[in-house]
Amino acid sequence: MMRKIKRRKIMAKRSFSINDETDRLLNYYLNHSDKEWDLVINEAIKSYVCDHLTQKQVHEAVKHTGKDAFPANEVLRTFNSSCINGES
């Protein structure tokens, strides 16, 4: 069973499917925690993106003021801690 997730309309409509293994893992976690599905998905995406930003992308994000700008402080904290741990 693939679960479809629709993204809020930002620039273009996008959707993705969660495979069965990920869906079972997610359901197990949700059944044994007090977190809501939306919160877990948003935290997972945010964590993945933060973990995969390059140093250059982080510095560009701090300076960026366009429509898709966001407060980069939390990304910087995540990025800096991964640098300290030798991950980036």
C-alpha atoms as a PDB file:
ATOM      1  CA  MET A   1       0.000   0.000   0.000  1.00  0.00           C
ATOM      2  CA  MET A   2       1.596   3.246  -1.150  1.00  0.00           C
ATOM      3  CA  ARG A   3       0.565   6.335   0.773  1.00  0.00           C
ATOM      4  CA  LYS A   4       0.281   9.478  -1.351  1.00  0.00           C
ATOM      5  CA  ILE A   5       1.349  12.778   0.134  1.00  0.00           C
ATOM      6  CA  LYS A   6       0.386  16.035  -1.515  1.00  0.00           C
ATOM      7  CA  ARG A   7       2.557  19.036  -0.945  1.00  0.00           C
ATOM      8  CA  ARG A   8       1.056  22.425  -0.289  1.00  0.00           C
ATOM      9  CA  LYS A   9       0.963  24.590  -3.368  1.00  0.00           C
ATOM     10  CA  ILE A  10       4.164  26.620  -3.383  1.00  0.00           C
ATOM     11  CA  MET A  11       5.726  26.730  -6.826  1.00  0.00           C
ATOM     12  CA  ALA A  12       4.342  23.602  -8.431  1.00  0.00           C
ATOM     13  CA  LYS A  13       2.185  20.683  -7.411  1.00  0.00           C
ATOM     14  CA  ARG A  14       4.301  17.822  -6.162  1.00  0.00           C
ATOM     15  CA  SER A  15       3.455  14.536  -4.569  1.00  0.00           C
ATOM     16  CA  PHE A  16       5.327  11.432  -3.551  1.00  0.00           C
ATOM     17  CA  SER A  17       4.551   7.951  -2.359  1.00  0.00           C
ATOM     18  CA  ILE A  18       5.756   6.252   0.776  1.00  0.00           C
ATOM     19  CA  ASN A  19       6.772   2.659   0.109  1.00  0.00           C
ATOM     20  CA  ASP A  20       5.407  -0.207   2.213  1.00  0.00           C
ATOM     21  CA  GLU A  21       8.524  -0.609   4.363  1.00  0.00           C
ATOM     22  CA  THR A  22       8.636   3.094   5.234  1.00  0.00           C
ATOM     23  CA  ASP A  23       4.885   3.140   5.847  1.00  0.00           C
ATOM     24  CA  ARG A  24       5.151   0.226   8.294  1.00  0.00           C
ATOM     25  CA  LEU A  25       8.086   1.872  10.072  1.00  0.00           C
ATOM     26  CA  LEU A  26       6.203   5.165  10.281  1.00  0.00           C
ATOM     27  CA  ASN A  27       3.044   3.482  11.566  1.00  0.00           C
ATOM     28  CA  TYR A  28       4.997   1.553  14.202  1.00  0.00           C
ATOM     29  CA  TYR A  29       6.657   4.759  15.390  1.00  0.00           C
ATOM     30  CA  LEU A  30       3.375   6.679  15.491  1.00  0.00           C
ATOM     31  CA  ASN A  31       1.642   3.871  17.389  1.00  0.00           C
ATOM     32  CA  HIS A  32       4.363   3.991  20.055  1.00  0.00           C
ATOM     33  CA  SER A  33       4.773   7.744  20.398  1.00  0.00           C
ATOM     34  CA  ASP A  34       2.638  10.771  21.133  1.00  0.00           C
ATOM     35  CA  LYS A  35       3.616  12.639  17.957  1.00  0.00           C
ATOM     36  CA  GLU A  36       1.230  13.435  15.134  1.00  0.00           C
ATOM     37  CA  TRP A  37       1.782  12.126  11.589  1.00  0.00           C
ATOM     38  CA  ASP A  38       2.202  15.617  10.056  1.00  0.00           C
ATOM     39  CA  LEU A  39       4.785  16.611  12.648  1.00  0.00           C
ATOM     40  CA  VAL A  40       6.854  13.455  12.099  1.00  0.00           C
ATOM     41  CA  ILE A  41       6.812  13.851   8.300  1.00  0.00           C
ATOM     42  CA  ASN A  42       7.757  17.537   8.494  1.00  0.00           C
ATOM     43  CA  GLU A  43      10.560  16.853  10.995  1.00  0.00           C
ATOM     44  CA  ALA A  44      11.887  13.990   8.849  1.00  0.00           C
ATOM     45  CA  ILE A  45      11.954  16.106   5.679  1.00  0.00           C
ATOM     46  CA  LYS A  46      13.544  19.036   7.493  1.00  0.00           C
ATOM     47  CA  SER A  47      16.165  16.778   9.063  1.00  0.00           C
ATOM     48  CA  TYR A  48      16.987  15.152   5.709  1.00  0.00           C
ATOM     49  CA  VAL A  49      17.334  18.480   3.902  1.00  0.00           C
ATOM     50  CA  CYS A  50      19.440  19.999   6.700  1.00  0.00           C
ATOM     51  CA  ASP A  51      21.714  16.958   6.686  1.00  0.00           C
ATOM     52  CA  HIS A  52      22.248  17.189   2.928  1.00  0.00           C
ATOM     53  CA  LEU A  53      22.868  20.918   2.474  1.00  0.00           C
ATOM     54  CA  THR A  54      26.390  21.855   1.468  1.00  0.00           C
ATOM     55  CA  GLN A  55      28.289  24.567   3.319  1.00  0.00           C
ATOM     56  CA  LYS A  56      27.853  26.839   0.286  1.00  0.00           C
ATOM     57  CA  GLN A  57      24.080  26.262   0.235  1.00  0.00           C
ATOM     58  CA  VAL A  58      23.815  27.090   3.937  1.00  0.00           C
ATOM     59  CA  HIS A  59      25.694  30.367   3.476  1.00  0.00           C
ATOM     60  CA  GLU A  60      23.490  31.241   0.475  1.00  0.00           C
ATOM     61  CA  ALA A  61      20.362  30.464   2.517  1.00  0.00           C
ATOM     62  CA  VAL A  62      21.434  32.890   5.233  1.00  0.00           C
ATOM     63  CA  LYS A  63      21.724  35.720   2.674  1.00  0.00           C
ATOM     64  CA  HIS A  64      18.654  34.769   0.624  1.00  0.00           C
ATOM     65  CA  THR A  65      15.694  37.165   0.780  1.00  0.00           C
ATOM     66  CA  GLY A  66      13.453  35.779  -1.975  1.00  0.00           C
ATOM     67  CA  LYS A  67       9.910  34.453  -1.720  1.00  0.00           C
ATOM     68  CA  ASP A  68      11.181  31.096  -0.533  1.00  0.00           C
ATOM     69  CA  ALA A  69      13.469  32.540   2.177  1.00  0.00           C
ATOM     70  CA  PHE A  70      13.302  30.981   5.628  1.00  0.00           C
ATOM     71  CA  PRO A  71      14.916  31.595   9.026  1.00  0.00           C
ATOM     72  CA  ALA A  72      18.238  29.787   8.592  1.00  0.00           C
ATOM     73  CA  ASN A  73      19.253  29.753  12.278  1.00  0.00           C
ATOM     74  CA  GLU A  74      18.034  26.212  12.931  1.00  0.00           C
ATOM     75  CA  VAL A  75      19.593  24.946   9.701  1.00  0.00           C
ATOM     76  CA  LEU A  76      22.883  26.510  10.768  1.00  0.00           C
ATOM     77  CA  ARG A  77      22.683  24.818  14.179  1.00  0.00           C
ATOM     78  CA  THR A  78      22.037  21.453  12.534  1.00  0.00           C
ATOM     79  CA  PHE A  79      24.722  22.034   9.923  1.00  0.00           C
ATOM     80  CA  ASN A  80      27.291  23.153  12.488  1.00  0.00           C
ATOM     81  CA  SER A  81      26.667  20.159  14.731  1.00  0.00           C
ATOM     82  CA  SER A  82      27.078  17.778  11.789  1.00  0.00           C
ATOM     83  CA  CYS A  83      30.340  19.540  10.851  1.00  0.00           C
ATOM     84  CA  ILE A  84      31.611  19.116  14.397  1.00  0.00           C
ATOM     85  CA  ASN A  85      30.760  15.417  14.183  1.00  0.00           C
ATOM     86  CA  GLY A  86      32.671  15.175  10.889  1.00  0.00           C
ATOM     87  CA  GLU A  87      29.613  14.411   8.797  1.00  0.00           C
ATOM     88  CA  SER A  88      29.848  17.288   6.283  1.00  0.00           C
END
